[in-house]
N, C-alpha and C. Protein backbone atom coordinates (compact mmCIF):
# COMPACT_ATOMS: atom_id res chain seq x y z
N MET A 1 -2.61 2.38 9.14
CA MET A 1 -3.47 2.79 8.93
C MET A 1 -4.36 1.24 7.65
N LEU A 2 -4.27 0.84 7.03
CA LEU A 2 -4.04 0.20 5.70
C LEU A 2 -3.51 -1.63 7.06
N PHE A 3 -3.05 -1.63 7.48
CA PHE A 3 -2.45 -3.11 7.95
C PHE A 3 -4.19 -3.09 9.01
N GLN A 4 -4.29 -2.02 9.79
CA GLN A 4 -5.60 -1.92 10.93
C GLN A 4 -6.73 -2.60 10.18
N LEU A 5 -7.03 -1.80 8.83
CA LEU A 5 -8.26 -2.38 8.52
C LEU A 5 -8.15 -3.69 7.59
N ASP A 6 -7.19 -3.94 7.29
CA ASP A 6 -6.80 -5.28 6.68
C ASP A 6 -7.35 -6.42 8.26
N GLY A 7 -6.25 -6.20 9.68
CA GLY A 7 -5.97 -7.26 10.81
C GLY A 7 -7.32 -7.04 11.60
N THR A 8 -8.57 -5.92 11.40
CA THR A 8 -9.25 -5.98 12.77
C THR A 8 -11.10 -5.77 12.15
N GLY A 9 -11.40 -5.17 10.83
CA GLY A 9 -12.62 -5.58 10.06
C GLY A 9 -12.89 -3.72 10.58
N LEU A 10 -11.98 -3.48 11.74
CA LEU A 10 -13.05 -1.81 11.96
C LEU A 10 -13.19 -1.24 10.68
N GLU A 11 -14.42 0.19 11.18
CA GLU A 11 -14.49 1.05 10.00
C GLU A 11 -13.77 2.28 9.97
N LEU A 12 -13.27 2.44 8.62
CA LEU A 12 -12.48 3.34 7.97
C LEU A 12 -12.52 4.36 9.02
N GLU A 13 -13.79 5.24 9.38
CA GLU A 13 -13.21 6.64 10.49
C GLU A 13 -12.63 5.80 11.33
N GLY A 14 -12.70 5.49 12.43
CA GLY A 14 -12.39 4.50 13.33
C GLY A 14 -11.07 4.57 13.27
N VAL A 15 -10.66 3.89 12.58
CA VAL A 15 -9.49 3.65 12.66
C VAL A 15 -8.65 4.67 12.07
N VAL A 16 -8.93 5.85 11.28
CA VAL A 16 -8.42 7.38 11.11
C VAL A 16 -7.89 8.22 12.68
N ASP A 17 -9.01 7.83 12.29
CA ASP A 17 -9.27 8.49 14.34
C ASP A 17 -8.13 8.61 15.71
N GLU A 18 -8.42 6.48 15.26
CA GLU A 18 -7.28 6.32 15.99
C GLU A 18 -6.34 6.40 16.20
N PHE A 19 -5.74 5.93 14.22
CA PHE A 19 -4.58 6.21 14.00
C PHE A 19 -3.75 7.66 14.70
N TRP A 20 -3.91 8.77 14.20
CA TRP A 20 -3.72 9.83 14.53
C TRP A 20 -4.02 10.79 15.86
N ASN A 21 -4.85 10.15 16.79
CA ASN A 21 -5.20 10.57 18.33
C ASN A 21 -4.63 9.60 19.21
N HIS A 22 -4.56 8.54 18.97
CA HIS A 22 -3.33 7.82 20.40
C HIS A 22 -2.15 7.03 19.67
N LEU A 23 -2.20 6.83 18.43
CA LEU A 23 -1.30 5.85 17.95
C LEU A 23 0.23 6.36 17.22
N CYS A 24 0.01 7.71 16.21
CA CYS A 24 0.76 8.21 16.59
C CYS A 24 1.62 9.45 16.62
N GLU A 25 2.18 10.25 16.67
CA GLU A 25 3.71 11.04 17.72
C GLU A 25 3.11 11.98 17.22
N SER A 26 3.22 12.04 16.12
CA SER A 26 3.56 13.64 14.64
C SER A 26 2.30 13.11 13.60
N ARG A 27 1.97 14.65 13.03
CA ARG A 27 0.58 14.68 12.96
C ARG A 27 1.45 14.45 11.07
N GLU A 28 2.60 15.33 10.85
CA GLU A 28 3.15 15.08 9.31
C GLU A 28 2.95 14.25 8.87
N GLY A 29 2.60 14.71 7.78
CA GLY A 29 1.90 13.75 6.45
C GLY A 29 0.92 13.71 6.75
N GLN A 30 -0.27 13.88 8.48
CA GLN A 30 -1.31 13.66 8.30
C GLN A 30 -2.31 13.92 6.77
N GLU A 31 -2.58 14.97 5.72
CA GLU A 31 -3.24 15.15 5.25
C GLU A 31 -3.21 13.50 4.00
N PHE A 32 -1.81 13.89 3.42
CA PHE A 32 -1.49 12.88 2.66
C PHE A 32 -1.87 11.43 2.64
N ALA A 33 -1.09 11.28 3.75
CA ALA A 33 -1.36 9.23 4.95
C ALA A 33 -2.62 9.27 4.51
N THR A 34 -3.70 10.11 4.88
CA THR A 34 -5.07 9.82 5.59
C THR A 34 -5.75 10.10 3.72
N SER A 35 -5.23 10.65 2.58
CA SER A 35 -5.70 10.89 1.93
C SER A 35 -5.32 9.35 0.83
N ILE A 36 -4.52 9.33 1.43
CA ILE A 36 -4.01 7.27 0.50
C ILE A 36 -4.75 6.53 1.14
N VAL A 37 -5.70 6.35 2.19
CA VAL A 37 -5.87 5.35 2.88
C VAL A 37 -7.56 5.73 2.68
N GLU A 38 -7.78 6.42 2.78
CA GLU A 38 -8.96 6.68 2.04
C GLU A 38 -9.30 6.92 0.67
N GLY A 39 -8.99 6.98 -0.54
CA GLY A 39 -8.74 6.48 -1.66
C GLY A 39 -8.30 5.36 -2.15
N TYR A 40 -7.37 4.40 -1.45
CA TYR A 40 -7.44 2.90 -0.93
C TYR A 40 -8.93 2.73 -1.06
N TRP A 41 -9.04 2.43 0.44
CA TRP A 41 -10.91 2.30 0.94
C TRP A 41 -11.66 2.46 -0.50
N ALA A 42 -11.69 3.88 -0.96
CA ALA A 42 -12.82 3.97 -1.74
C ALA A 42 -12.51 3.28 -3.23
N SER A 43 -11.53 2.81 -3.17
CA SER A 43 -11.40 1.66 -4.99
C SER A 43 -10.51 0.94 -4.41
N ARG A 44 -10.78 0.20 -3.56
CA ARG A 44 -10.10 -0.91 -3.24
C ARG A 44 -10.20 -2.37 -3.60
N GLU A 45 -11.21 -2.32 -4.53
CA GLU A 45 -11.71 -3.97 -5.50
C GLU A 45 -9.99 -3.60 -6.21
N ASN A 46 -10.67 -2.49 -7.61
CA ASN A 46 -9.88 -1.42 -8.26
C ASN A 46 -7.83 -2.10 -7.52
N VAL A 47 -7.84 -1.82 -6.95
CA VAL A 47 -6.49 -2.02 -6.70
C VAL A 47 -5.94 -2.82 -6.01
N ASN A 48 -6.82 -3.64 -5.21
CA ASN A 48 -6.69 -5.55 -5.47
C ASN A 48 -6.40 -5.93 -6.62
N LYS A 49 -7.01 -5.80 -7.50
CA LYS A 49 -7.14 -6.71 -9.20
C LYS A 49 -6.35 -5.84 -9.84
N THR A 50 -5.74 -4.90 -9.57
CA THR A 50 -4.77 -4.69 -9.87
C THR A 50 -3.07 -5.51 -9.37
N ILE A 51 -3.50 -6.27 -8.37
CA ILE A 51 -1.93 -6.32 -7.73
C ILE A 51 -2.56 -7.49 -7.82
N SER A 52 -3.83 -8.33 -7.62
CA SER A 52 -3.86 -9.69 -8.46
C SER A 52 -3.44 -10.01 -9.68
N ASP A 53 -3.73 -9.55 -9.99
CA ASP A 53 -3.70 -9.37 -12.04
C ASP A 53 -2.03 -9.70 -12.33
N VAL A 54 -0.98 -9.81 -11.43
CA VAL A 54 0.52 -9.12 -11.63
C VAL A 54 1.37 -10.23 -10.99
N SER A 55 -0.32 -10.89 -9.68
CA SER A 55 0.94 -11.90 -9.25
C SER A 55 0.25 -12.80 -9.02
N HIS A 56 1.02 -14.11 -10.33
CA HIS A 56 -0.05 -14.99 -10.51
C HIS A 56 0.29 -15.69 -9.05
N HIS A 57 1.11 -16.05 -9.28
CA HIS A 57 1.40 -17.44 -7.94
C HIS A 57 1.75 -16.40 -6.68
N TRP A 58 1.09 -15.52 -6.85
CA TRP A 58 0.41 -15.03 -5.08
C TRP A 58 -0.95 -14.59 -4.33
N ARG A 59 -1.63 -15.65 -4.68
CA ARG A 59 -3.21 -15.16 -4.12
C ARG A 59 -3.17 -13.77 -3.16
N ILE A 60 -4.00 -12.56 -3.03
CA ILE A 60 -3.78 -11.29 -2.58
C ILE A 60 -3.92 -12.12 -1.10
N GLU A 61 -4.71 -12.95 -0.64
CA GLU A 61 -5.08 -13.61 0.30
C GLU A 61 -4.03 -14.13 1.03
N ARG A 62 -3.01 -14.62 0.33
CA ARG A 62 -2.02 -15.48 0.77
C ARG A 62 -0.82 -14.97 1.16
N MET A 63 -0.94 -13.70 1.43
CA MET A 63 0.56 -12.96 0.87
C MET A 63 0.09 -12.76 2.80
N THR A 64 1.57 -11.72 3.18
CA THR A 64 1.59 -11.71 4.61
C THR A 64 0.88 -10.02 4.76
N LYS A 65 -0.05 -9.83 5.83
CA LYS A 65 -0.63 -8.13 5.81
C LYS A 65 0.77 -7.46 5.12
N VAL A 66 2.08 -7.03 5.85
CA VAL A 66 2.60 -6.75 5.87
C VAL A 66 2.53 -6.22 3.63
N ASP A 67 2.89 -7.27 3.53
CA ASP A 67 3.04 -6.87 1.92
C ASP A 67 1.87 -6.61 1.10
N ARG A 68 1.55 -6.61 1.14
CA ARG A 68 -0.36 -6.67 0.95
C ARG A 68 -0.59 -4.99 1.15
N ASN A 69 -0.69 -4.91 2.58
CA ASN A 69 -0.77 -3.29 2.15
C ASN A 69 0.33 -2.32 2.00
N ILE A 70 1.37 -3.17 1.86
CA ILE A 70 2.81 -2.27 1.58
C ILE A 70 2.21 -2.04 -0.27
N LEU A 71 1.64 -2.82 -0.46
CA LEU A 71 1.48 -3.76 -2.32
C LEU A 71 0.24 -2.17 -2.14
N ARG A 72 -1.17 -2.37 -1.77
CA ARG A 72 -2.05 -1.66 -1.79
C ARG A 72 -1.54 0.06 -1.75
N LEU A 73 -1.13 0.04 -0.64
CA LEU A 73 -0.10 1.73 -0.47
C LEU A 73 0.43 2.63 -1.65
N ALA A 74 1.45 1.67 -2.18
CA ALA A 74 2.14 1.53 -3.66
C ALA A 74 1.61 1.78 -4.99
N THR A 75 0.06 1.14 -4.97
CA THR A 75 -0.66 0.90 -6.07
C THR A 75 -1.44 1.65 -6.54
N TYR A 76 -2.02 1.56 -5.18
CA TYR A 76 -2.58 3.08 -5.18
C TYR A 76 -2.09 4.85 -5.26
N GLU A 77 -1.14 4.61 -4.93
CA GLU A 77 -0.38 5.73 -5.57
C GLU A 77 0.66 5.81 -6.75
N LEU A 78 0.52 4.66 -7.54
CA LEU A 78 0.76 4.64 -8.05
C LEU A 78 -0.33 4.62 -9.42
N MET A 79 -1.08 3.88 -9.02
CA MET A 79 -2.43 5.03 -10.11
C MET A 79 -3.23 6.20 -9.68
N THR A 80 -2.81 7.13 -9.07
CA THR A 80 -3.52 8.31 -8.52
C THR A 80 -2.38 9.38 -8.53
N PHE A 81 -1.59 9.26 -8.10
CA PHE A 81 -0.38 10.25 -8.01
C PHE A 81 0.22 10.47 -9.45
N VAL A 82 0.09 10.92 -10.53
CA VAL A 82 0.98 11.60 -11.22
C VAL A 82 2.42 11.97 -11.42
N ASP A 83 2.15 12.83 -10.26
CA ASP A 83 3.47 13.86 -9.97
C ASP A 83 4.21 12.45 -9.68
N ILE A 84 3.87 12.11 -8.49
CA ILE A 84 5.40 11.05 -8.04
C ILE A 84 5.99 10.15 -8.85
N PRO A 85 7.10 10.12 -9.21
CA PRO A 85 7.85 9.14 -10.03
C PRO A 85 7.57 8.22 -9.84
N ARG A 86 7.67 6.62 -10.07
CA ARG A 86 7.48 5.53 -9.96
C ARG A 86 8.70 5.18 -9.15
N ARG A 87 10.11 5.27 -9.57
CA ARG A 87 10.94 5.50 -8.56
C ARG A 87 10.98 6.02 -6.86
N VAL A 88 10.61 6.55 -6.90
CA VAL A 88 10.56 7.62 -5.40
C VAL A 88 9.67 6.47 -4.74
N THR A 89 7.94 5.56 -5.57
CA THR A 89 7.53 4.63 -4.91
C THR A 89 7.51 4.03 -4.77
N LEU A 90 8.69 3.38 -5.17
CA LEU A 90 9.00 1.99 -5.63
C LEU A 90 10.35 2.07 -4.35
N ASN A 91 10.62 2.88 -4.46
CA ASN A 91 12.31 2.94 -3.50
C ASN A 91 11.23 3.21 -2.15
N GLU A 92 10.15 3.75 -1.93
CA GLU A 92 9.27 3.95 -0.33
C GLU A 92 8.70 3.12 -0.02
N ALA A 93 8.01 2.10 -1.11
CA ALA A 93 7.46 0.67 -0.57
C ALA A 93 8.08 -0.66 -0.16
N VAL A 94 10.06 -0.15 -0.83
CA VAL A 94 10.94 -1.59 -0.41
C VAL A 94 11.70 -1.38 0.75
N GLU A 95 11.39 0.10 1.33
CA GLU A 95 11.83 0.37 2.30
C GLU A 95 11.00 0.37 3.72
N LEU A 96 9.64 0.13 2.92
CA LEU A 96 8.84 0.13 4.30
C LEU A 96 8.91 -1.58 4.29
N ALA A 97 9.00 -2.26 3.32
CA ALA A 97 8.98 -4.18 3.18
C ALA A 97 10.64 -4.26 3.74
N LYS A 98 11.78 -3.67 3.73
CA LYS A 98 12.97 -3.84 4.64
C LYS A 98 12.30 -3.63 5.66
N ARG A 99 12.14 -2.29 6.69
CA ARG A 99 11.78 -2.17 7.78
C ARG A 99 10.37 -2.66 8.45
N PHE A 100 9.50 -3.57 7.77
CA PHE A 100 8.32 -4.06 8.94
C PHE A 100 8.32 -5.14 8.14
N GLY A 101 8.68 -6.09 7.04
CA GLY A 101 8.16 -7.45 5.98
C GLY A 101 9.35 -8.16 6.90
N THR A 102 8.77 -9.62 6.24
CA THR A 102 10.34 -10.63 6.28
C THR A 102 11.52 -10.48 5.60
N GLU A 103 12.44 -11.24 5.06
CA GLU A 103 13.12 -11.33 4.43
C GLU A 103 13.33 -11.29 3.46
N ALA A 104 12.50 -11.43 2.80
CA ALA A 104 11.59 -12.00 1.39
C ALA A 104 10.94 -10.55 0.66
N SER A 105 10.60 -10.11 2.05
CA SER A 105 9.42 -8.73 1.10
C SER A 105 9.61 -7.79 0.93
N PRO A 106 11.68 -7.52 0.62
CA PRO A 106 11.64 -6.38 -0.01
C PRO A 106 11.41 -6.37 -2.08
N GLY A 107 12.13 -7.96 -1.79
CA GLY A 107 12.40 -8.66 -3.69
C GLY A 107 10.69 -8.32 -3.75
N PHE A 108 10.32 -9.38 -3.41
CA PHE A 108 8.55 -10.11 -4.19
C PHE A 108 7.52 -7.68 -3.67
N VAL A 109 8.27 -7.21 -3.19
CA VAL A 109 7.42 -6.20 -3.19
C VAL A 109 7.68 -5.14 -4.34
N ASN A 110 9.22 -4.93 -5.01
CA ASN A 110 9.39 -4.73 -5.75
C ASN A 110 9.12 -5.52 -7.31
N GLY A 111 9.08 -6.28 -6.92
CA GLY A 111 8.95 -6.89 -8.32
C GLY A 111 6.81 -7.14 -9.23
N VAL A 112 6.63 -6.80 -8.07
CA VAL A 112 5.00 -6.85 -8.27
C VAL A 112 5.29 -5.27 -8.28
N LEU A 113 5.62 -4.46 -7.55
CA LEU A 113 5.61 -3.26 -8.08
C LEU A 113 5.71 -2.96 -9.60
N ASP A 114 7.34 -3.26 -9.55
CA ASP A 114 7.75 -2.67 -11.02
C ASP A 114 7.00 -3.26 -12.38
N ARG A 115 6.00 -4.99 -11.85
CA ARG A 115 5.53 -5.29 -12.83
C ARG A 115 4.15 -3.97 -13.01
N ILE A 116 2.87 -3.61 -11.79
CA ILE A 116 2.14 -2.94 -11.62
C ILE A 116 2.34 -1.28 -12.46
N ALA A 117 3.62 -0.88 -12.12
CA ALA A 117 3.97 0.48 -13.21
C ALA A 117 4.07 0.38 -13.95
N ALA A 118 5.12 -1.19 -14.90
CA ALA A 118 4.72 -1.57 -15.92
C ALA A 118 3.77 -1.04 -16.89
N ASP A 119 3.08 -1.64 -16.76
CA ASP A 119 1.26 -1.66 -16.68
C ASP A 119 0.65 -1.11 -17.10
N LEU A 120 0.60 0.23 -16.30
CA LEU A 120 0.39 1.61 -15.96
C LEU A 120 0.93 2.63 -16.58
N GLY A 121 1.68 1.47 -17.47
CA GLY A 121 2.90 3.09 -18.03
C GLY A 121 3.61 3.77 -17.35
N LYS A 122 3.62 3.52 -16.26
CA LYS A 122 3.92 4.74 -15.15
C LYS A 122 5.50 4.34 -15.15
N ASP A 123 6.09 6.12 -16.32
CA ASP A 123 7.25 5.93 -16.11
C ASP A 123 8.35 6.11 -14.31
């Protein structure tokens, strides 16, 4: 959903509805996934600034869309869900980067998120 929002300029509600009604085969995790997308969207300026603050040599606009949106998802999760351990968020983000990103994506995503988690004091 974040990738579609980033790539199309469509409205949030339309993207969420499109995903769950036409693109997704299962509704498992719908509430959690939707809450992350909506939460990111509501706080996107703060999340994007947090990412930009630690990625000194990469402006957020220069990152691949896949990497950028994995970072957004995971950064929002690190900032918001205190009950989710740091390693769980980072591991899931790296797995997404392996599956959908480039060869360099897993290391890049891990490095940026590790700095964000440390800055947030997330154990």
